[in-house]
Amino acid sequence: PFRRPVTKESVYVLTESRSFRIPTPPTMKNHGNHVASICEIVRWLGEKAEGLGVNVFPGFPVDSLLVEGNDVVGVRTVPSGLGRDGEPATDEAMPAVDLTARVTVLSEGTRGPLTQAWLDWQGVGSDNPQIYALGVKELWEVSEPLDRIVHTMGWPLPSDAFGGSFLYPMADDLVALGLVVGLDYADAR
C-alpha cells in the first residue's frame, strides 16, 4: 500500500501574488517516510489482521460498548430494517447483536461515538480540547512526475485561519492535491 519513498520535500508560504520557500519545520519533515493511500493501508491491514485470525466487521454500525466491570468485552450493533415504530419493516430486519471479544478495537475515527463514550467512561480528557480541520483532496493525472512533497500555508486562507495545501506524488502520472482548513475559524464568509 506504500506508493513511494519521500526523497524531497518543500514548504512554501503563499501570498496572493508570490511564494516564499521556507525551511521545512521539524514536524513536517517526511524524508524517509512513504507516500501512501490511507484506504489502501486500511484494506491491507484488514487483510493482514484477518490472516492472523482477527474478525473484521465492516459495514455494521454499532451504538454501544459492552462492559463487564472495568473491561470492554465487545460492542452492540444497531438494529436494522425497523420502521419508525420500532417494529420490523422488512423481511430482512435484524435485531441488535452483541459481538464479544477478548480485544475490541475501535476504528471509527477521533470523533466516533464509541471512542467518545470510552473516553468519558475512563475520565480521559484535557483542558485543551482537540482541534479539528476539514480537508478536501483530489487525485490529478499529470503529464510530468512530481519529484517531491509540497506543503503550503497562507493564501488563499485568511491570516486568522490555520491550514494549508499539499501535493503528494502518488505515481509518475498521479498527484494528490488537497486543502485543509481549521474548523475554529470565526468568520465563515
N, C-alpha and C. Protein backbone atom coordinates (compact mmCIF):
# COMPACT_ATOMS: atom_id res chain seq x y z
N PRO A 1 0.81 -1.22 0.00
CA PRO A 1 0.00 0.00 0.00
C PRO A 1 0.85 1.27 0.00
N PHE A 2 2.16 1.11 0.16
CA PHE A 2 3.03 2.28 0.20
C PHE A 2 3.50 2.58 -1.22
N ARG A 3 3.18 3.77 -1.70
CA ARG A 3 3.41 4.11 -3.10
C ARG A 3 4.87 4.36 -3.43
N ARG A 4 5.52 5.26 -2.68
CA ARG A 4 6.91 5.61 -2.97
C ARG A 4 7.53 6.31 -1.78
N PRO A 5 8.86 6.19 -1.62
CA PRO A 5 9.51 6.88 -0.50
C PRO A 5 9.59 8.38 -0.75
N VAL A 6 9.59 9.13 0.32
CA VAL A 6 9.76 10.59 0.23
C VAL A 6 11.26 10.87 0.18
N THR A 7 11.71 11.47 -0.91
CA THR A 7 13.13 11.79 -1.06
C THR A 7 13.38 13.29 -1.07
N LYS A 8 12.36 14.06 -1.42
CA LYS A 8 12.48 15.52 -1.43
C LYS A 8 11.17 16.11 -0.92
N GLU A 9 11.28 17.30 -0.30
CA GLU A 9 10.08 17.99 0.16
C GLU A 9 10.34 19.48 0.22
N SER A 10 9.28 20.25 0.05
CA SER A 10 9.38 21.71 0.09
C SER A 10 8.18 22.27 0.83
N VAL A 11 8.40 23.39 1.51
CA VAL A 11 7.33 24.11 2.21
C VAL A 11 7.36 25.56 1.73
N TYR A 12 6.19 26.08 1.39
CA TYR A 12 6.08 27.44 0.89
C TYR A 12 5.04 28.22 1.69
N VAL A 13 5.31 29.51 1.87
CA VAL A 13 4.31 30.46 2.35
C VAL A 13 3.82 31.20 1.12
N LEU A 14 2.50 31.25 0.94
CA LEU A 14 1.92 31.88 -0.23
C LEU A 14 1.25 33.19 0.13
N THR A 15 1.40 34.17 -0.77
CA THR A 15 0.59 35.38 -0.73
C THR A 15 -0.26 35.34 -1.99
N GLU A 16 -1.07 36.35 -2.19
CA GLU A 16 -1.92 36.34 -3.38
C GLU A 16 -1.11 36.40 -4.67
N SER A 17 0.12 36.92 -4.60
CA SER A 17 0.90 37.09 -5.83
C SER A 17 2.29 36.46 -5.79
N ARG A 18 2.72 35.93 -4.63
CA ARG A 18 4.09 35.40 -4.54
C ARG A 18 4.13 34.15 -3.69
N SER A 19 5.26 33.46 -3.78
CA SER A 19 5.51 32.31 -2.90
C SER A 19 6.92 32.43 -2.35
N PHE A 20 7.09 31.99 -1.10
CA PHE A 20 8.39 32.03 -0.45
C PHE A 20 8.69 30.64 0.09
N ARG A 21 9.78 30.07 -0.36
CA ARG A 21 10.16 28.76 0.18
C ARG A 21 10.80 28.98 1.55
N ILE A 22 10.39 28.16 2.52
CA ILE A 22 10.95 28.26 3.87
C ILE A 22 11.55 26.91 4.25
N PRO A 23 12.43 26.89 5.24
CA PRO A 23 12.95 25.59 5.70
C PRO A 23 11.80 24.72 6.20
N THR A 24 11.91 23.44 5.96
CA THR A 24 10.87 22.52 6.40
C THR A 24 10.88 22.42 7.92
N PRO A 25 9.77 22.78 8.58
CA PRO A 25 9.72 22.66 10.05
C PRO A 25 9.90 21.21 10.47
N PRO A 26 10.50 20.96 11.62
CA PRO A 26 10.76 19.58 12.06
C PRO A 26 9.51 18.70 12.06
N THR A 27 8.36 19.26 12.43
CA THR A 27 7.14 18.44 12.49
C THR A 27 6.59 18.10 11.12
N MET A 28 7.12 18.72 10.08
CA MET A 28 6.65 18.45 8.73
C MET A 28 7.65 17.66 7.90
N LYS A 29 8.77 17.28 8.50
CA LYS A 29 9.78 16.53 7.76
C LYS A 29 9.32 15.10 7.53
N ASN A 30 9.32 14.69 6.28
CA ASN A 30 8.85 13.36 5.90
C ASN A 30 9.90 12.51 5.21
N HIS A 31 11.13 13.04 5.08
CA HIS A 31 12.17 12.30 4.39
C HIS A 31 12.33 10.92 5.03
N GLY A 32 12.31 9.88 4.22
CA GLY A 32 12.41 8.52 4.73
C GLY A 32 11.06 7.85 4.96
N ASN A 33 9.98 8.64 5.01
CA ASN A 33 8.64 8.07 5.09
C ASN A 33 8.18 7.68 3.69
N HIS A 34 6.98 7.19 3.58
CA HIS A 34 6.44 6.80 2.29
C HIS A 34 5.11 7.51 2.03
N VAL A 35 4.87 7.84 0.77
CA VAL A 35 3.57 8.35 0.35
C VAL A 35 2.66 7.13 0.21
N ALA A 36 1.45 7.25 0.72
CA ALA A 36 0.54 6.11 0.70
C ALA A 36 -0.90 6.58 0.65
N SER A 37 -1.78 5.67 0.30
CA SER A 37 -3.22 5.90 0.34
C SER A 37 -3.77 5.29 1.62
N ILE A 38 -4.45 6.08 2.45
CA ILE A 38 -4.98 5.55 3.70
C ILE A 38 -5.99 4.44 3.44
N CYS A 39 -6.77 4.55 2.37
CA CYS A 39 -7.73 3.48 2.05
C CYS A 39 -6.99 2.18 1.74
N GLU A 40 -5.91 2.27 0.99
CA GLU A 40 -5.14 1.07 0.67
C GLU A 40 -4.46 0.50 1.91
N ILE A 41 -3.99 1.36 2.81
CA ILE A 41 -3.36 0.88 4.05
C ILE A 41 -4.38 0.16 4.92
N VAL A 42 -5.57 0.75 5.08
CA VAL A 42 -6.61 0.13 5.91
C VAL A 42 -7.01 -1.22 5.32
N ARG A 43 -7.19 -1.29 4.01
CA ARG A 43 -7.55 -2.55 3.36
C ARG A 43 -6.44 -3.60 3.59
N TRP A 44 -5.19 -3.19 3.43
CA TRP A 44 -4.04 -4.08 3.62
C TRP A 44 -3.96 -4.56 5.06
N LEU A 45 -4.12 -3.63 6.02
CA LEU A 45 -4.09 -4.02 7.43
C LEU A 45 -5.22 -4.98 7.77
N GLY A 46 -6.40 -4.74 7.19
CA GLY A 46 -7.53 -5.65 7.41
C GLY A 46 -7.22 -7.05 6.92
N GLU A 47 -6.62 -7.14 5.74
CA GLU A 47 -6.24 -8.46 5.21
C GLU A 47 -5.20 -9.13 6.09
N LYS A 48 -4.21 -8.36 6.55
CA LYS A 48 -3.19 -8.92 7.45
C LYS A 48 -3.83 -9.41 8.75
N ALA A 49 -4.73 -8.60 9.32
CA ALA A 49 -5.40 -8.98 10.57
C ALA A 49 -6.23 -10.24 10.38
N GLU A 50 -6.99 -10.30 9.30
CA GLU A 50 -7.80 -11.49 9.04
C GLU A 50 -6.92 -12.72 8.85
N GLY A 51 -5.75 -12.52 8.23
CA GLY A 51 -4.81 -13.62 8.06
C GLY A 51 -4.28 -14.15 9.38
N LEU A 52 -4.32 -13.31 10.42
CA LEU A 52 -3.89 -13.73 11.75
C LEU A 52 -5.05 -14.23 12.61
N GLY A 53 -6.23 -14.34 12.00
CA GLY A 53 -7.39 -14.86 12.72
C GLY A 53 -8.28 -13.82 13.35
N VAL A 54 -8.05 -12.54 13.05
CA VAL A 54 -8.88 -11.47 13.60
C VAL A 54 -10.17 -11.38 12.78
N ASN A 55 -11.30 -11.21 13.46
CA ASN A 55 -12.57 -10.98 12.78
C ASN A 55 -12.74 -9.48 12.57
N VAL A 56 -12.93 -9.08 11.32
CA VAL A 56 -13.14 -7.68 10.97
C VAL A 56 -14.58 -7.57 10.48
N PHE A 57 -15.34 -6.63 11.04
CA PHE A 57 -16.75 -6.47 10.70
C PHE A 57 -17.03 -5.09 10.12
N PRO A 58 -16.67 -4.84 8.86
CA PRO A 58 -17.01 -3.55 8.27
C PRO A 58 -18.49 -3.52 7.89
N GLY A 59 -19.08 -2.36 7.89
CA GLY A 59 -20.46 -2.24 7.44
C GLY A 59 -21.51 -2.57 8.47
N PHE A 60 -21.12 -2.73 9.72
CA PHE A 60 -22.08 -2.98 10.79
C PHE A 60 -22.03 -1.81 11.76
N PRO A 61 -23.00 -0.90 11.70
CA PRO A 61 -22.97 0.19 12.67
C PRO A 61 -23.22 -0.33 14.08
N VAL A 62 -22.51 0.22 15.03
CA VAL A 62 -22.69 -0.18 16.43
C VAL A 62 -23.04 1.06 17.23
N ASP A 63 -23.76 0.85 18.35
CA ASP A 63 -24.18 2.02 19.12
C ASP A 63 -23.78 2.00 20.58
N SER A 64 -23.17 0.91 21.04
CA SER A 64 -22.76 0.92 22.45
C SER A 64 -21.65 -0.08 22.70
N LEU A 65 -20.88 0.23 23.74
CA LEU A 65 -19.84 -0.68 24.21
C LEU A 65 -20.46 -1.69 25.15
N LEU A 66 -19.96 -2.91 25.15
CA LEU A 66 -20.34 -3.90 26.15
C LEU A 66 -19.25 -3.90 27.20
N VAL A 67 -19.63 -3.65 28.44
CA VAL A 67 -18.66 -3.50 29.52
C VAL A 67 -18.99 -4.50 30.62
N GLU A 68 -17.95 -5.17 31.12
CA GLU A 68 -18.06 -6.02 32.30
C GLU A 68 -17.01 -5.56 33.29
N GLY A 69 -17.46 -5.02 34.42
CA GLY A 69 -16.51 -4.49 35.40
C GLY A 69 -15.76 -3.32 34.81
N ASN A 70 -14.44 -3.45 34.71
CA ASN A 70 -13.61 -2.39 34.14
C ASN A 70 -13.13 -2.72 32.73
N ASP A 71 -13.74 -3.71 32.10
CA ASP A 71 -13.27 -4.17 30.80
C ASP A 71 -14.32 -3.97 29.71
N VAL A 72 -13.87 -3.54 28.54
CA VAL A 72 -14.71 -3.56 27.35
C VAL A 72 -14.63 -4.97 26.79
N VAL A 73 -15.78 -5.61 26.63
CA VAL A 73 -15.79 -7.00 26.16
C VAL A 73 -16.45 -7.14 24.79
N GLY A 74 -16.81 -6.01 24.17
CA GLY A 74 -17.40 -6.08 22.84
C GLY A 74 -18.23 -4.85 22.55
N VAL A 75 -19.08 -5.00 21.53
CA VAL A 75 -19.96 -3.91 21.09
C VAL A 75 -21.34 -4.47 20.75
N ARG A 76 -22.33 -3.60 20.73
CA ARG A 76 -23.69 -3.98 20.33
C ARG A 76 -24.00 -3.29 19.01
N THR A 77 -24.46 -4.06 18.03
CA THR A 77 -24.80 -3.48 16.73
C THR A 77 -26.12 -2.73 16.82
N VAL A 78 -26.38 -1.93 15.82
CA VAL A 78 -27.64 -1.19 15.71
C VAL A 78 -28.65 -2.09 15.00
N PRO A 79 -29.87 -2.19 15.50
CA PRO A 79 -30.87 -2.97 14.76
C PRO A 79 -31.11 -2.31 13.40
N SER A 80 -31.45 -3.12 12.41
CA SER A 80 -31.67 -2.56 11.07
C SER A 80 -32.99 -3.06 10.51
N GLY A 81 -33.51 -2.32 9.54
CA GLY A 81 -34.75 -2.71 8.89
C GLY A 81 -35.99 -2.47 9.71
N LEU A 82 -35.92 -1.56 10.69
CA LEU A 82 -37.07 -1.28 11.54
C LEU A 82 -37.79 -0.04 11.04
N GLY A 83 -39.10 0.00 11.25
CA GLY A 83 -39.89 1.17 10.92
C GLY A 83 -39.80 2.20 12.03
N ARG A 84 -40.47 3.32 11.84
CA ARG A 84 -40.46 4.39 12.84
C ARG A 84 -41.03 3.93 14.18
N ASP A 85 -41.89 2.93 14.13
CA ASP A 85 -42.50 2.43 15.37
C ASP A 85 -41.61 1.41 16.09
N GLY A 86 -40.43 1.11 15.51
CA GLY A 86 -39.51 0.16 16.13
C GLY A 86 -39.79 -1.29 15.78
N GLU A 87 -40.80 -1.52 14.97
CA GLU A 87 -41.16 -2.87 14.54
C GLU A 87 -40.49 -3.18 13.20
N PRO A 88 -40.23 -4.49 12.91
CA PRO A 88 -39.62 -4.84 11.62
C PRO A 88 -40.43 -4.29 10.45
N ALA A 89 -39.76 -3.62 9.54
CA ALA A 89 -40.41 -3.03 8.38
C ALA A 89 -40.17 -3.87 7.13
N THR A 90 -39.21 -4.79 7.18
CA THR A 90 -38.91 -5.65 6.04
C THR A 90 -38.65 -7.06 6.53
N ASP A 91 -38.63 -7.98 5.58
CA ASP A 91 -38.30 -9.37 5.93
C ASP A 91 -36.84 -9.51 6.32
N GLU A 92 -36.03 -8.52 5.98
CA GLU A 92 -34.59 -8.57 6.26
C GLU A 92 -34.22 -7.80 7.52
N ALA A 93 -35.21 -7.45 8.34
CA ALA A 93 -34.92 -6.73 9.59
C ALA A 93 -34.02 -7.58 10.48
N MET A 94 -33.09 -6.90 11.14
CA MET A 94 -32.14 -7.59 12.03
C MET A 94 -32.18 -6.94 13.41
N PRO A 95 -32.28 -7.74 14.46
CA PRO A 95 -32.21 -7.17 15.80
C PRO A 95 -30.77 -6.77 16.13
N ALA A 96 -30.60 -6.03 17.20
CA ALA A 96 -29.25 -5.71 17.67
C ALA A 96 -28.55 -7.01 18.04
N VAL A 97 -27.26 -7.07 17.77
CA VAL A 97 -26.47 -8.26 18.07
C VAL A 97 -25.28 -7.84 18.93
N ASP A 98 -24.99 -8.62 19.97
CA ASP A 98 -23.80 -8.37 20.79
C ASP A 98 -22.63 -9.14 20.21
N LEU A 99 -21.56 -8.42 19.88
CA LEU A 99 -20.32 -9.02 19.39
C LEU A 99 -19.31 -8.92 20.52
N THR A 100 -18.87 -10.07 21.03
CA THR A 100 -17.93 -10.07 22.14
C THR A 100 -16.56 -10.53 21.68
N ALA A 101 -15.53 -10.06 22.39
CA ALA A 101 -14.16 -10.41 22.03
C ALA A 101 -13.24 -10.16 23.21
N ARG A 102 -12.09 -10.84 23.20
CA ARG A 102 -11.07 -10.56 24.22
C ARG A 102 -10.49 -9.17 24.02
N VAL A 103 -10.38 -8.75 22.75
CA VAL A 103 -9.86 -7.42 22.42
C VAL A 103 -10.84 -6.76 21.47
N THR A 104 -11.23 -5.53 21.78
CA THR A 104 -12.12 -4.75 20.92
C THR A 104 -11.35 -3.54 20.44
N VAL A 105 -11.23 -3.38 19.13
CA VAL A 105 -10.52 -2.24 18.55
C VAL A 105 -11.56 -1.30 17.95
N LEU A 106 -11.57 -0.07 18.41
CA LEU A 106 -12.47 0.95 17.87
C LEU A 106 -11.73 1.68 16.77
N SER A 107 -12.21 1.55 15.56
CA SER A 107 -11.54 2.21 14.43
C SER A 107 -12.53 3.09 13.69
N GLU A 108 -13.17 3.96 14.45
CA GLU A 108 -14.23 4.81 13.91
C GLU A 108 -13.80 6.26 13.77
N GLY A 109 -12.55 6.58 14.06
CA GLY A 109 -12.07 7.95 13.95
C GLY A 109 -12.09 8.65 15.29
N THR A 110 -11.54 9.86 15.31
CA THR A 110 -11.34 10.57 16.58
C THR A 110 -12.63 11.06 17.21
N ARG A 111 -13.69 11.24 16.43
CA ARG A 111 -14.94 11.74 16.98
C ARG A 111 -16.04 10.69 16.95
N GLY A 112 -15.68 9.43 16.84
CA GLY A 112 -16.67 8.37 16.83
C GLY A 112 -17.40 8.29 18.17
N PRO A 113 -18.67 7.95 18.16
CA PRO A 113 -19.44 7.92 19.41
C PRO A 113 -18.94 6.89 20.42
N LEU A 114 -18.43 5.76 19.95
CA LEU A 114 -17.92 4.77 20.90
C LEU A 114 -16.60 5.22 21.51
N THR A 115 -15.75 5.84 20.70
CA THR A 115 -14.50 6.38 21.23
C THR A 115 -14.80 7.44 22.27
N GLN A 116 -15.75 8.32 21.99
CA GLN A 116 -16.12 9.36 22.95
C GLN A 116 -16.70 8.74 24.22
N ALA A 117 -17.53 7.69 24.07
CA ALA A 117 -18.10 7.02 25.25
C ALA A 117 -16.99 6.42 26.10
N TRP A 118 -15.99 5.82 25.45
CA TRP A 118 -14.88 5.22 26.19
C TRP A 118 -14.07 6.30 26.92
N LEU A 119 -13.79 7.41 26.23
CA LEU A 119 -13.03 8.50 26.85
C LEU A 119 -13.78 9.05 28.06
N ASP A 120 -15.10 9.23 27.92
CA ASP A 120 -15.90 9.73 29.05
C ASP A 120 -15.90 8.72 30.19
N TRP A 121 -16.07 7.44 29.88
CA TRP A 121 -16.12 6.37 30.89
C TRP A 121 -14.80 6.30 31.66
N GLN A 122 -13.69 6.48 30.94
CA GLN A 122 -12.37 6.40 31.57
C GLN A 122 -11.95 7.72 32.21
N GLY A 123 -12.71 8.78 31.99
CA GLY A 123 -12.33 10.08 32.54
C GLY A 123 -11.11 10.66 31.86
N VAL A 124 -10.90 10.27 30.61
CA VAL A 124 -9.76 10.77 29.85
C VAL A 124 -10.19 12.06 29.17
N GLY A 125 -9.53 13.11 29.47
CA GLY A 125 -9.87 14.39 28.88
C GLY A 125 -8.72 15.34 29.00
N SER A 126 -8.95 16.55 28.60
CA SER A 126 -7.90 17.56 28.64
C SER A 126 -8.54 18.93 28.77
N ASP A 127 -7.81 19.84 29.39
CA ASP A 127 -8.26 21.22 29.41
C ASP A 127 -8.09 21.85 28.03
N ASN A 128 -7.33 21.18 27.16
CA ASN A 128 -7.11 21.64 25.80
C ASN A 128 -7.82 20.69 24.84
N PRO A 129 -9.05 21.00 24.46
CA PRO A 129 -9.77 20.07 23.59
C PRO A 129 -9.10 19.95 22.23
N GLN A 130 -9.39 18.84 21.56
CA GLN A 130 -8.83 18.64 20.23
C GLN A 130 -9.33 19.73 19.29
N ILE A 131 -8.51 20.04 18.32
CA ILE A 131 -8.87 21.00 17.29
C ILE A 131 -9.07 20.19 16.01
N TYR A 132 -10.12 20.51 15.29
CA TYR A 132 -10.45 19.74 14.10
C TYR A 132 -10.29 20.60 12.86
N ALA A 133 -10.05 19.93 11.76
CA ALA A 133 -9.89 20.60 10.48
C ALA A 133 -10.68 19.83 9.44
N LEU A 134 -11.00 20.50 8.37
CA LEU A 134 -11.70 19.90 7.26
C LEU A 134 -10.76 19.90 6.07
N GLY A 135 -10.64 18.78 5.41
CA GLY A 135 -9.77 18.70 4.25
C GLY A 135 -10.49 18.16 3.04
N VAL A 136 -10.08 18.63 1.88
CA VAL A 136 -10.56 18.08 0.62
C VAL A 136 -9.34 17.66 -0.18
N LYS A 137 -9.50 16.57 -0.91
CA LYS A 137 -8.37 16.05 -1.69
C LYS A 137 -8.91 15.56 -3.03
N GLU A 138 -8.14 15.79 -4.06
CA GLU A 138 -8.43 15.25 -5.38
C GLU A 138 -7.19 14.54 -5.88
N LEU A 139 -7.40 13.56 -6.72
CA LEU A 139 -6.29 12.92 -7.43
C LEU A 139 -6.27 13.47 -8.84
N TRP A 140 -5.14 14.01 -9.24
CA TRP A 140 -4.99 14.58 -10.57
C TRP A 140 -4.03 13.74 -11.39
N GLU A 141 -4.42 13.45 -12.62
CA GLU A 141 -3.49 12.83 -13.56
C GLU A 141 -2.63 13.95 -14.13
N VAL A 142 -1.31 13.72 -14.16
CA VAL A 142 -0.38 14.74 -14.63
C VAL A 142 0.50 14.16 -15.73
N SER A 143 1.03 15.05 -16.58
CA SER A 143 1.89 14.59 -17.67
C SER A 143 3.35 14.49 -17.25
N GLU A 144 3.74 15.24 -16.22
CA GLU A 144 5.12 15.18 -15.73
C GLU A 144 5.11 14.79 -14.26
N PRO A 145 6.02 13.90 -13.86
CA PRO A 145 6.01 13.45 -12.46
C PRO A 145 6.43 14.56 -11.50
N LEU A 146 5.82 14.57 -10.33
CA LEU A 146 6.21 15.47 -9.24
C LEU A 146 7.30 14.76 -8.45
N ASP A 147 8.42 15.44 -8.21
CA ASP A 147 9.56 14.77 -7.58
C ASP A 147 9.66 15.00 -6.08
N ARG A 148 8.63 15.62 -5.47
CA ARG A 148 8.72 15.94 -4.05
C ARG A 148 7.33 16.11 -3.46
N ILE A 149 7.28 16.10 -2.14
CA ILE A 149 6.08 16.51 -1.41
C ILE A 149 6.15 18.03 -1.29
N VAL A 150 5.01 18.70 -1.46
CA VAL A 150 4.94 20.15 -1.31
C VAL A 150 3.83 20.47 -0.31
N HIS A 151 4.16 21.28 0.69
CA HIS A 151 3.18 21.81 1.63
C HIS A 151 3.18 23.32 1.52
N THR A 152 2.01 23.93 1.67
CA THR A 152 1.92 25.39 1.65
C THR A 152 1.11 25.88 2.84
N MET A 153 1.30 27.15 3.15
CA MET A 153 0.47 27.83 4.15
C MET A 153 0.27 29.25 3.66
N GLY A 154 -0.71 29.92 4.22
CA GLY A 154 -1.00 31.28 3.77
C GLY A 154 -2.15 31.29 2.79
N TRP A 155 -2.03 32.14 1.77
CA TRP A 155 -3.09 32.32 0.78
C TRP A 155 -3.50 30.98 0.21
N PRO A 156 -4.76 30.71 -0.02
CA PRO A 156 -5.92 31.60 -0.03
C PRO A 156 -6.62 31.74 1.33
N LEU A 157 -6.05 31.18 2.38
CA LEU A 157 -6.67 31.28 3.71
C LEU A 157 -6.40 32.64 4.32
N PRO A 158 -7.34 33.17 5.11
CA PRO A 158 -7.08 34.44 5.81
C PRO A 158 -6.04 34.23 6.90
N SER A 159 -5.46 35.31 7.36
CA SER A 159 -4.36 35.21 8.33
C SER A 159 -4.80 34.65 9.68
N ASP A 160 -6.10 34.68 9.99
CA ASP A 160 -6.55 34.16 11.28
C ASP A 160 -7.05 32.71 11.20
N ALA A 161 -6.80 32.04 10.09
CA ALA A 161 -7.20 30.64 9.94
C ALA A 161 -5.96 29.79 9.77
N PHE A 162 -5.96 28.61 10.39
CA PHE A 162 -4.83 27.72 10.16
C PHE A 162 -5.21 26.70 9.10
N GLY A 163 -4.19 26.23 8.42
CA GLY A 163 -4.41 25.26 7.36
C GLY A 163 -3.39 25.45 6.27
N GLY A 164 -3.64 24.84 5.16
CA GLY A 164 -2.74 24.95 4.03
C GLY A 164 -3.08 23.92 2.98
N SER A 165 -2.20 23.79 2.02
CA SER A 165 -2.43 22.83 0.94
C SER A 165 -1.27 21.86 0.86
N PHE A 166 -1.48 20.81 0.08
CA PHE A 166 -0.43 19.81 -0.09
C PHE A 166 -0.50 19.21 -1.49
N LEU A 167 0.65 18.76 -1.94
CA LEU A 167 0.79 17.98 -3.17
C LEU A 167 1.63 16.77 -2.82
N TYR A 168 1.11 15.58 -3.09
CA TYR A 168 1.85 14.34 -2.83
C TYR A 168 1.95 13.56 -4.13
N PRO A 169 3.17 13.16 -4.52
CA PRO A 169 3.30 12.33 -5.72
C PRO A 169 2.88 10.89 -5.41
N MET A 170 1.78 10.45 -6.00
CA MET A 170 1.28 9.09 -5.76
C MET A 170 1.86 8.10 -6.76
N ALA A 171 2.13 8.57 -7.96
CA ALA A 171 2.74 7.77 -9.03
C ALA A 171 3.32 8.78 -10.02
N ASP A 172 4.04 8.29 -11.04
CA ASP A 172 4.63 9.21 -12.01
C ASP A 172 3.59 10.08 -12.69
N ASP A 173 2.37 9.55 -12.85
CA ASP A 173 1.32 10.30 -13.54
C ASP A 173 0.15 10.67 -12.64
N LEU A 174 0.35 10.61 -11.30
CA LEU A 174 -0.75 10.86 -10.38
C LEU A 174 -0.29 11.67 -9.17
N VAL A 175 -1.00 12.77 -8.89
CA VAL A 175 -0.68 13.65 -7.77
C VAL A 175 -1.92 13.81 -6.90
N ALA A 176 -1.75 13.71 -5.59
CA ALA A 176 -2.82 14.04 -4.65
C ALA A 176 -2.69 15.51 -4.30
N LEU A 177 -3.74 16.28 -4.54
CA LEU A 177 -3.77 17.72 -4.29
C LEU A 177 -4.85 17.98 -3.26
N GLY A 178 -4.52 18.71 -2.19
CA GLY A 178 -5.52 18.94 -1.16
C GLY A 178 -5.40 20.27 -0.47
N LEU A 179 -6.47 20.63 0.22
CA LEU A 179 -6.53 21.85 1.02
C LEU A 179 -7.16 21.49 2.37
N VAL A 180 -6.54 21.96 3.45
CA VAL A 180 -7.02 21.71 4.81
C VAL A 180 -7.27 23.05 5.48
N VAL A 181 -8.42 23.18 6.16
CA VAL A 181 -8.78 24.41 6.86
C VAL A 181 -9.23 24.06 8.27
N GLY A 182 -8.67 24.76 9.25
CA GLY A 182 -9.08 24.55 10.64
C GLY A 182 -10.53 24.93 10.85
N LEU A 183 -11.22 24.18 11.71
CA LEU A 183 -12.64 24.44 11.95
C LEU A 183 -12.88 25.36 13.13
N ASP A 184 -11.86 26.08 13.55
CA ASP A 184 -12.05 27.03 14.65
C ASP A 184 -12.13 28.46 14.15
N TYR A 185 -12.40 28.63 12.86
CA TYR A 185 -12.46 29.97 12.29
C TYR A 185 -13.65 30.74 12.88
N ALA A 186 -13.55 32.06 12.86
CA ALA A 186 -14.60 32.90 13.44
C ALA A 186 -15.57 33.42 12.39
N ASP A 187 -15.14 33.51 11.14
CA ASP A 187 -15.97 34.09 10.09
C ASP A 187 -16.06 33.10 8.94
N ALA A 188 -17.24 32.60 8.67
CA ALA A 188 -17.41 31.58 7.64
C ALA A 188 -17.69 32.16 6.26
N ARG A 189 -17.52 33.46 6.07
CA ARG A 189 -17.77 34.05 4.75
C ARG A 189 -16.73 33.64 3.76
